[in-house]
Protein backbone atom coordinates (compact mmCIF):
# COMPACT_ATOMS: atom_id res chain seq x y z
CA MET A 1 -13.58 21.69 3.67
CA ASP A 2 -14.45 18.82 1.31
CA ARG A 3 -14.01 15.10 1.78
CA PHE A 4 -10.66 13.40 1.47
CA LEU A 5 -9.87 10.77 -1.15
CA SER A 6 -9.00 7.14 -0.54
CA SER A 7 -8.20 4.11 -2.64
CA HIS A 8 -6.74 0.64 -2.34
CA ALA A 9 -5.51 -2.15 -4.58
CA GLN A 10 -4.08 -5.65 -4.46
CA HIS A 11 -1.49 -6.96 -6.92
CA PRO A 12 1.88 -8.77 -6.67
CA ASP A 13 3.56 -5.95 -8.60
CA TRP A 14 3.64 -2.75 -6.57
CA ARG A 15 3.73 -0.64 -9.73
CA ILE A 16 0.44 -2.08 -10.91
CA ALA A 17 -1.14 -1.83 -7.45
CA LEU A 18 -0.06 1.80 -7.11
CA GLY A 19 -1.26 2.60 -10.61
CA GLN A 20 -4.66 1.14 -9.80
CA CYS A 21 -4.84 3.16 -6.57
CA LEU A 22 -3.99 6.42 -8.30
CA GLY A 23 -6.32 5.71 -11.19
CA ARG A 24 -9.24 5.48 -8.76
CA VAL A 25 -8.63 8.97 -7.34
CA ALA A 26 -7.56 10.77 -10.53
CA PRO A 27 -7.70 13.57 -11.26
CA ILE A 28 -6.64 14.84 -7.82
CA PRO A 29 -8.10 18.30 -7.20
CA ALA A 30 -5.79 21.20 -6.39
CA GLY A 31 -4.84 21.80 -2.79
CA PHE A 32 -4.34 18.22 -1.61
CA ASN A 33 -1.16 18.41 0.43
CA LEU A 34 -0.82 15.37 2.74
CA GLY A 35 -1.05 11.66 2.02
CA PHE A 36 -1.15 8.55 4.20
CA ILE A 37 0.09 5.25 2.78
CA TYR A 38 -0.16 1.82 4.35
CA TYR A 39 1.40 -1.03 2.41
CA SER A 40 1.84 -4.74 2.99
CA ASP A 41 5.24 -6.18 3.83
CA PHE A 42 5.41 -7.77 0.36
CA PHE A 43 6.35 -4.27 -0.83
CA ALA A 44 8.77 -3.35 1.98
CA ALA A 45 11.87 -3.48 -0.24
CA ALA A 46 10.25 -1.03 -2.66
CA ALA A 47 9.22 1.58 -0.06
CA GLY A 48 11.55 4.25 -1.42
CA GLU A 49 10.44 3.74 -5.01
CA ILE A 50 6.77 3.80 -3.98
CA VAL A 51 7.11 7.14 -2.20
CA ARG A 52 9.04 8.70 -5.06
CA GLN A 53 6.39 7.54 -7.51
CA LEU A 54 3.60 8.90 -5.30
CA LYS A 55 5.21 12.33 -5.16
CA ALA A 56 5.77 12.43 -8.89
CA ASP A 57 2.28 11.24 -9.85
CA THR A 58 0.21 13.18 -7.31
CA GLY A 59 2.22 16.35 -6.72
CA ILE A 60 1.74 15.73 -2.97
CA GLN A 61 5.14 16.03 -1.32
CA HIS A 62 4.25 15.01 2.24
CA TRP A 63 3.56 11.33 2.96
CA VAL A 64 3.39 9.37 6.19
CA GLY A 65 2.55 5.73 6.85
CA SER A 66 3.77 2.27 7.73
CA VAL A 67 4.31 -1.27 6.56
CA GLY A 68 1.87 -3.89 7.86
CA VAL A 69 1.07 -7.59 7.61
CA GLY A 70 -2.51 -6.43 7.04
CA ILE A 71 -4.03 -3.31 5.52
CA CYS A 72 -7.30 -1.50 6.40
CA THR A 73 -9.46 0.29 3.85
CA THR A 74 -13.06 1.45 3.59
CA GLY A 75 -15.12 -1.68 4.27
CA ARG A 76 -12.30 -4.13 3.51
CA GLU A 77 -9.23 -5.75 5.01
CA TYR A 78 -6.22 -7.26 3.26
CA HIS A 79 -4.33 -9.94 5.20
CA GLY A 80 -1.17 -11.62 3.96
CA GLU A 81 -1.61 -10.17 0.48
CA PRO A 82 0.45 -7.68 -1.55
CA ALA A 83 -1.74 -4.59 -1.16
CA LEU A 84 -1.66 -0.92 -0.33
CA ALA A 85 -4.11 1.79 0.75
CA LEU A 86 -3.98 5.56 0.36
CA LEU A 87 -5.73 8.46 2.08
CA LEU A 88 -5.25 11.88 0.46
CA CYS A 89 -5.97 14.99 2.53
CA ARG A 90 -6.56 18.66 1.81
CA LEU A 91 -5.61 20.60 4.94
CA PRO A 92 -5.09 24.29 5.70
CA PRO A 93 -1.58 25.49 4.78
CA GLY A 94 0.73 25.46 7.78
CA SER A 95 -1.57 23.15 9.78
CA PHE A 96 0.66 20.06 9.84
CA THR A 97 4.30 19.04 9.89
CA VAL A 98 5.90 15.65 9.21
CA PHE A 99 8.53 14.44 11.70
CA THR A 100 10.83 11.57 12.57
CA ALA A 101 12.60 11.13 15.89
CA ASN A 102 14.83 8.93 18.02
CA ALA A 103 15.38 9.00 21.76
CA ASP A 104 18.37 11.35 21.53
CA ASN A 105 16.65 14.07 19.50
CA GLN A 106 12.99 13.88 20.51
CA GLU A 107 12.87 17.21 22.34
CA ALA A 108 14.66 19.02 19.51
CA CYS A 109 12.28 17.41 17.05
CA PHE A 110 9.27 18.64 19.01
CA ARG A 111 10.66 22.18 19.18
CA GLN A 112 11.12 22.14 15.41
CA CYS A 113 7.56 20.88 14.94
CA ARG A 114 6.27 23.73 17.10
CA GLN A 115 8.14 26.25 14.97
CA ASN A 116 6.81 24.70 11.78
CA LEU A 117 3.29 24.96 13.19
CA GLN A 118 3.76 28.66 13.96
CA GLU A 119 3.77 28.06 17.73
CA ARG A 120 0.04 27.40 17.67
CA PRO A 121 -1.45 24.76 20.02
CA THR A 122 -0.53 21.23 18.88
CA PRO A 123 -3.39 19.06 20.12
CA PHE A 124 -2.87 15.98 17.96
CA ALA A 125 -0.24 13.75 16.34
CA ILE A 126 -0.48 10.55 14.33
CA VAL A 127 2.59 8.43 15.02
CA HIS A 128 4.04 5.19 13.72
CA GLY A 129 6.59 3.25 15.72
CA ASN A 130 9.41 0.89 14.82
CA PRO A 131 9.02 -2.20 17.07
CA ALA A 132 12.69 -3.04 16.57
CA ARG A 133 13.60 0.02 18.66
CA GLU A 134 13.40 -0.66 22.41
CA THR A 135 13.01 3.06 23.14
CA VAL A 136 9.58 3.34 21.49
CA PRO A 137 7.36 2.85 24.60
CA ASP A 138 9.29 5.47 26.57
CA MET A 139 9.30 7.83 23.59
CA ILE A 140 5.52 7.60 23.32
CA VAL A 141 5.27 8.73 26.94
CA GLY A 142 7.89 11.43 26.35
CA LEU A 143 6.23 12.87 23.26
CA SER A 144 2.89 12.94 25.06
CA LYS A 145 4.47 14.95 27.90
CA LEU A 146 6.06 17.37 25.44
CA MET A 147 2.66 17.93 23.83
CA GLY A 148 1.03 18.72 27.17
CA THR A 149 -2.70 18.31 26.64
CA GLY A 150 -2.06 16.93 23.15
CA PHE A 151 -3.09 13.45 22.10
CA LEU A 152 -1.25 10.71 20.18
CA VAL A 153 -2.74 7.93 18.09
CA GLY A 154 -1.10 5.40 15.81
CA GLY A 155 0.51 2.00 15.84
CA LEU A 156 3.72 -0.01 15.66
CA ALA A 157 4.71 -1.38 12.28
CA SER A 158 4.05 -5.07 11.65
CA SER A 159 6.11 -7.05 9.16
CA ARG A 160 7.62 -10.43 8.47
CA GLY A 161 10.74 -8.55 7.40
CA ASP A 162 11.74 -4.90 7.22
CA TYR A 163 10.08 -2.21 9.36
CA ALA A 164 10.12 0.66 6.88
CA LEU A 165 8.01 3.58 8.09
CA ILE A 166 7.20 6.55 5.88
CA ALA A 167 7.82 10.18 6.82
CA ASP A 168 8.28 11.95 3.47
CA ALA A 169 10.76 9.13 2.78
CA PRO A 170 11.36 5.65 4.21
CA THR A 171 12.74 5.74 7.74
CA ARG A 172 13.71 3.18 10.34
CA ASP A 173 13.83 5.71 13.18
CA ALA A 174 11.96 4.90 16.38
CA LEU A 175 8.97 7.22 15.86
CA SER A 176 7.66 9.14 12.89
CA GLY A 177 4.43 10.69 11.76
CA VAL A 178 2.61 13.97 11.42
CA MET A 179 1.70 16.61 13.99
CA PHE A 180 -1.23 19.00 13.61
CA ASN A 181 -2.05 22.36 15.07
CA ASP A 182 -5.51 23.55 16.09
CA LYS A 183 -6.51 24.38 12.52
CA VAL A 184 -7.36 20.67 12.02
CA ALA A 185 -10.44 19.19 13.73
CA ILE A 186 -9.95 15.58 14.77
CA SER A 187 -11.80 13.08 16.97
CA THR A 188 -10.60 9.70 18.21
CA ARG A 189 -11.79 6.70 20.24
CA LEU A 190 -10.48 3.27 21.27
CA THR A 191 -12.23 -0.11 21.37
CA GLN A 192 -11.02 -3.08 23.40
CA GLY A 193 -10.65 -6.59 22.02
CA CYS A 194 -10.87 -8.46 25.32
CA SER A 195 -13.53 -8.52 28.02
CA PRO A 196 -12.90 -8.59 31.79
CA ILE A 197 -13.80 -11.63 33.86
CA GLY A 198 -14.09 -11.72 37.62
CA GLU A 199 -13.23 -8.90 39.97
CA ARG A 200 -10.56 -6.21 40.06
CA HIS A 201 -7.62 -7.31 42.21
CA ILE A 202 -4.74 -5.54 43.90
CA ILE A 203 -1.18 -6.75 43.40
CA THR A 204 0.08 -7.25 46.95
CA SER A 205 3.43 -8.89 46.17
CA CYS A 206 5.48 -8.90 42.99
CA GLU A 207 8.94 -8.72 41.47
CA GLY A 208 9.45 -7.25 38.00
CA ASN A 209 6.89 -8.98 35.81
CA LEU A 210 6.28 -11.77 38.35
CA ILE A 211 3.03 -11.48 40.29
CA ILE A 212 3.31 -13.40 43.54
CA THR A 213 0.07 -12.50 45.32
CA LEU A 214 -3.22 -10.83 44.44
CA ASP A 215 -5.31 -9.61 47.37
CA ASP A 216 -2.79 -11.47 49.58
CA ARG A 217 -3.63 -14.78 47.89
CA PRO A 218 -1.34 -16.77 45.57
CA ALA A 219 -1.75 -15.18 42.16
CA LEU A 220 -2.11 -18.52 40.34
CA GLU A 221 -4.88 -19.55 42.73
CA VAL A 222 -6.84 -16.39 41.84
CA LEU A 223 -6.22 -16.92 38.12
CA ASN A 224 -7.35 -20.56 38.19
CA GLN A 225 -10.48 -19.67 40.14
CA GLU A 226 -11.54 -17.03 37.60
CA ALA A 227 -10.47 -18.94 34.49
CA GLY A 228 -12.48 -22.01 35.48
CA GLU A 229 -11.60 -25.66 35.91
CA VAL A 230 -11.29 -26.53 32.21
CA LEU A 231 -8.69 -23.83 31.49
CA ALA A 232 -6.97 -24.22 34.87
CA ASN A 233 -6.21 -27.83 33.91
CA ASN A 234 -4.88 -26.82 30.48
CA PRO A 235 -2.30 -24.03 30.95
CA GLN A 236 -1.31 -23.98 27.24
CA ARG A 237 -4.88 -23.32 26.17
CA MET A 238 -5.29 -20.74 28.91
CA ALA A 239 -2.29 -18.77 27.64
CA GLY A 240 -4.02 -18.10 24.31
CA TYR A 241 -7.41 -17.27 25.80
CA ILE A 242 -6.87 -15.52 29.15
CA PHE A 243 -4.88 -12.29 29.52
CA ALA A 244 -3.94 -9.84 32.25
CA GLY A 245 -5.59 -6.42 32.13
CA LEU A 246 -3.99 -3.46 33.88
CA PRO A 247 -6.63 -0.73 34.43
CA ILE A 248 -5.38 2.76 33.62
CA ARG A 249 -5.28 4.95 36.67
CA GLY A 250 -7.45 8.04 36.41
CA SER A 251 -9.24 6.83 33.28
CA ASP A 252 -12.94 7.71 33.18
CA THR A 253 -13.61 5.32 30.28
CA GLY A 254 -12.58 2.02 31.87
CA ASP A 255 -9.56 1.59 29.59
CA TYR A 256 -7.03 -1.07 30.46
CA LEU A 257 -3.79 -2.40 29.00
CA VAL A 258 -3.97 -6.04 27.91
CA ARG A 259 -0.83 -8.10 28.44
CA HIS A 260 -0.05 -11.77 27.74
CA LEU A 261 0.41 -14.38 30.43
CA VAL A 262 3.95 -15.58 29.74
CA GLY A 263 4.49 -18.14 32.49
CA ILE A 264 3.22 -19.83 35.65
CA ASP A 265 4.92 -21.55 38.58
CA PRO A 266 2.49 -24.15 39.97
CA ASP A 267 4.71 -24.87 42.98
CA MET A 268 5.06 -21.24 44.07
CA GLY A 269 1.65 -20.07 42.83
CA ILE A 270 3.27 -17.28 40.78
CA ILE A 271 2.23 -15.95 37.36
CA ALA A 272 4.34 -13.92 34.92
CA ILE A 273 2.92 -11.33 32.51
CA ALA A 274 4.45 -9.34 29.66
CA GLU A 275 4.73 -6.11 31.68
CA ARG A 276 6.60 -4.95 34.76
CA VAL A 277 4.28 -4.18 37.66
CA SER A 278 4.44 -2.75 41.17
CA VAL A 279 2.72 -3.41 44.47
CA GLY A 280 -0.58 -1.54 44.57
CA TYR A 281 -1.34 -1.88 40.87
CA SER A 282 -4.81 -3.09 39.95
CA LEU A 283 -5.26 -6.17 37.76
CA ILE A 284 -8.20 -7.84 36.11
CA PHE A 285 -8.15 -11.05 34.13
CA CYS A 286 -9.59 -10.83 30.61
CA ARG A 287 -10.58 -13.24 27.87
CA ARG A 288 -10.66 -12.92 24.12
CA ASP A 289 -14.32 -12.90 23.25
CA PRO A 290 -15.24 -12.05 19.63
CA GLU A 291 -18.86 -11.11 20.31
CA THR A 292 -18.06 -8.96 23.32
CA ALA A 293 -15.33 -7.26 21.28
CA PHE A 294 -17.84 -6.68 18.47
CA THR A 295 -20.30 -5.15 20.93
CA ASP A 296 -17.56 -2.82 22.17
CA LEU A 297 -16.71 -1.87 18.57
CA LEU A 298 -20.34 -0.82 18.05
CA ARG A 299 -20.27 1.13 21.32
CA MET A 300 -17.18 3.01 20.21
CA LEU A 301 -18.57 3.76 16.76
CA ASN A 302 -21.83 5.13 18.10
CA ALA A 303 -19.94 7.22 20.66
CA ILE A 304 -17.67 8.82 18.05
CA LYS A 305 -20.19 9.15 15.21
CA PRO A 306 -20.48 12.86 14.38
CA ALA A 307 -23.60 14.68 13.25
CA GLN A 308 -22.13 15.08 9.76
CA GLN A 309 -20.15 12.46 7.88
CA PRO A 310 -16.39 12.75 8.53
CA ARG A 311 -14.08 13.96 5.78
CA GLY A 312 -11.79 10.98 6.26
CA ALA A 313 -10.62 8.37 8.76
CA LEU A 314 -7.62 6.35 9.90
CA TYR A 315 -7.94 3.02 11.66
CA PHE A 316 -5.21 1.19 13.57
CA SER A 317 -6.15 -2.34 14.62
CA CYS A 318 -4.19 -5.07 16.38
CA THR A 319 -2.90 -8.01 14.34
CA GLY A 320 -4.86 -10.15 16.80
CA ARG A 321 -8.11 -8.57 15.64
CA GLY A 322 -9.42 -8.50 12.06
CA ARG A 323 -9.85 -11.99 10.65
CA ASN A 324 -8.19 -13.50 13.74
CA GLN A 325 -11.04 -12.30 15.95
CA PHE A 326 -13.99 -11.45 13.71
CA GLY A 327 -13.60 -13.92 10.85
CA PRO A 328 -12.38 -13.74 7.25
CA ASP A 329 -15.02 -11.46 5.70
CA SER A 330 -13.71 -8.01 6.82
CA ARG A 331 -16.36 -7.78 9.52
CA GLU A 332 -14.45 -5.16 11.50
CA LEU A 333 -14.04 -2.74 8.58
CA ARG A 334 -17.49 -3.46 7.17
CA THR A 335 -18.99 -2.55 10.54
CA ILE A 336 -17.14 0.77 10.62
CA MET A 337 -18.51 1.58 7.16
CA ALA A 338 -22.03 0.48 8.13
CA VAL A 339 -22.11 2.91 11.07
CA LEU A 340 -20.13 5.87 9.66
CA GLY A 341 -21.00 5.54 5.98
CA ASP A 342 -18.70 5.39 2.98
CA VAL A 343 -15.96 7.46 4.62
CA PRO A 344 -12.51 7.53 2.94
CA LEU A 345 -10.39 5.38 5.26
CA ALA A 346 -6.92 3.85 5.42
CA GLY A 347 -4.92 2.10 8.11
CA PHE A 348 -3.14 -1.10 9.04
CA PHE A 349 -2.90 -3.99 11.48
CA CYS A 350 -0.33 -3.14 14.14
CA ASN A 351 2.16 -4.75 16.51
CA GLY A 352 0.73 -2.47 19.19
CA GLU A 353 -1.73 0.42 19.12
CA ILE A 354 -0.99 3.92 20.37
CA SER A 355 -3.65 5.99 22.14
CA ASN A 356 -2.84 9.04 24.23
CA ASN A 357 0.42 8.18 26.00
CA ARG A 358 0.21 4.39 26.05
CA LEU A 359 0.88 1.33 23.95
CA TYR A 360 -2.12 -1.00 23.86
CA GLY A 361 -2.76 -4.50 22.55
CA TYR A 362 -5.85 -6.14 21.06
CA THR A 363 -7.46 -2.73 20.50
CA GLY A 364 -8.74 -0.72 17.57
CA VAL A 365 -8.03 3.03 17.44
CA LEU A 366 -10.25 5.08 15.13
CA THR A 367 -9.44 8.67 14.17
CA LEU A 368 -11.83 10.92 12.28
CA PHE A 369 -11.03 14.13 10.39
CA LEU A 370 -14.07 16.36 10.87
């Protein structure tokens, strides 16, 4: 199968931006049947009009995507600008199905997807989540279980206003996206944006999201020891630099979930993190380190790089990455292009990144169509 098509544009008027995007891929060859669209929150109110225009101008009737405060394209990022990016795909007929689901109909939705995919194995789904829906984290786990050995990737919408996802039309349901059967070859990897410091610890006493002791020592004492004297004496600075990492049990790649420190109790020696925990969980403290994160990005790219150039790619990166971690010159997306080549790519900066059955933070999730 041939390469996909991608384009992007920036303009305050969505009609002009969309026209520029479509002009760069015209004429669209026959057989293109699925499109991804990622658009900045400047255009959120026009989501319905944008999708209708896309269908009319391209003939492609199936579109999935999300709103974002930042947009990813081949070799370039848009942050805080009115912009959009497209990825147009030509896939085997019957190899994909677009879906949208809430907590009360997720199982029925999956059964319908299986029927649409002719009951073939469904190893992969690209999903977008609505962060305004509290059920999203549990639904990610639930959909992963329904898919068995299948794999999810995607991200939660980011916006300074409306969270309008796209699944053939604008939707504000909890999850939406596209599911593939085994006719579509896909590869994916994750890169972390924080680096561990110190040793792995065991939570020996806790309550909810409050960690009382680590290795039977006051949790704050352990944190201050590993953060160092300068940060220990400046809790506000520490909160933006040091994070809690929860290693994923059974992972053979060293993956961990990064969660914010949300409070400390100096008198009791307790720390609070943005995640409920249990006794026996492992924990490592992490720091945001741009160069270490860049090194891990290169590791991921070299691990996923196929022998032949991919047909297309999607990239989901945390809002805390991009210019906030690597600077203002699109270093993250330029690096992906430098390693993989001029691959058609689209994506966005997320409120949380989805990989397998978990919701991550400060990560980048790259998906390649082979």
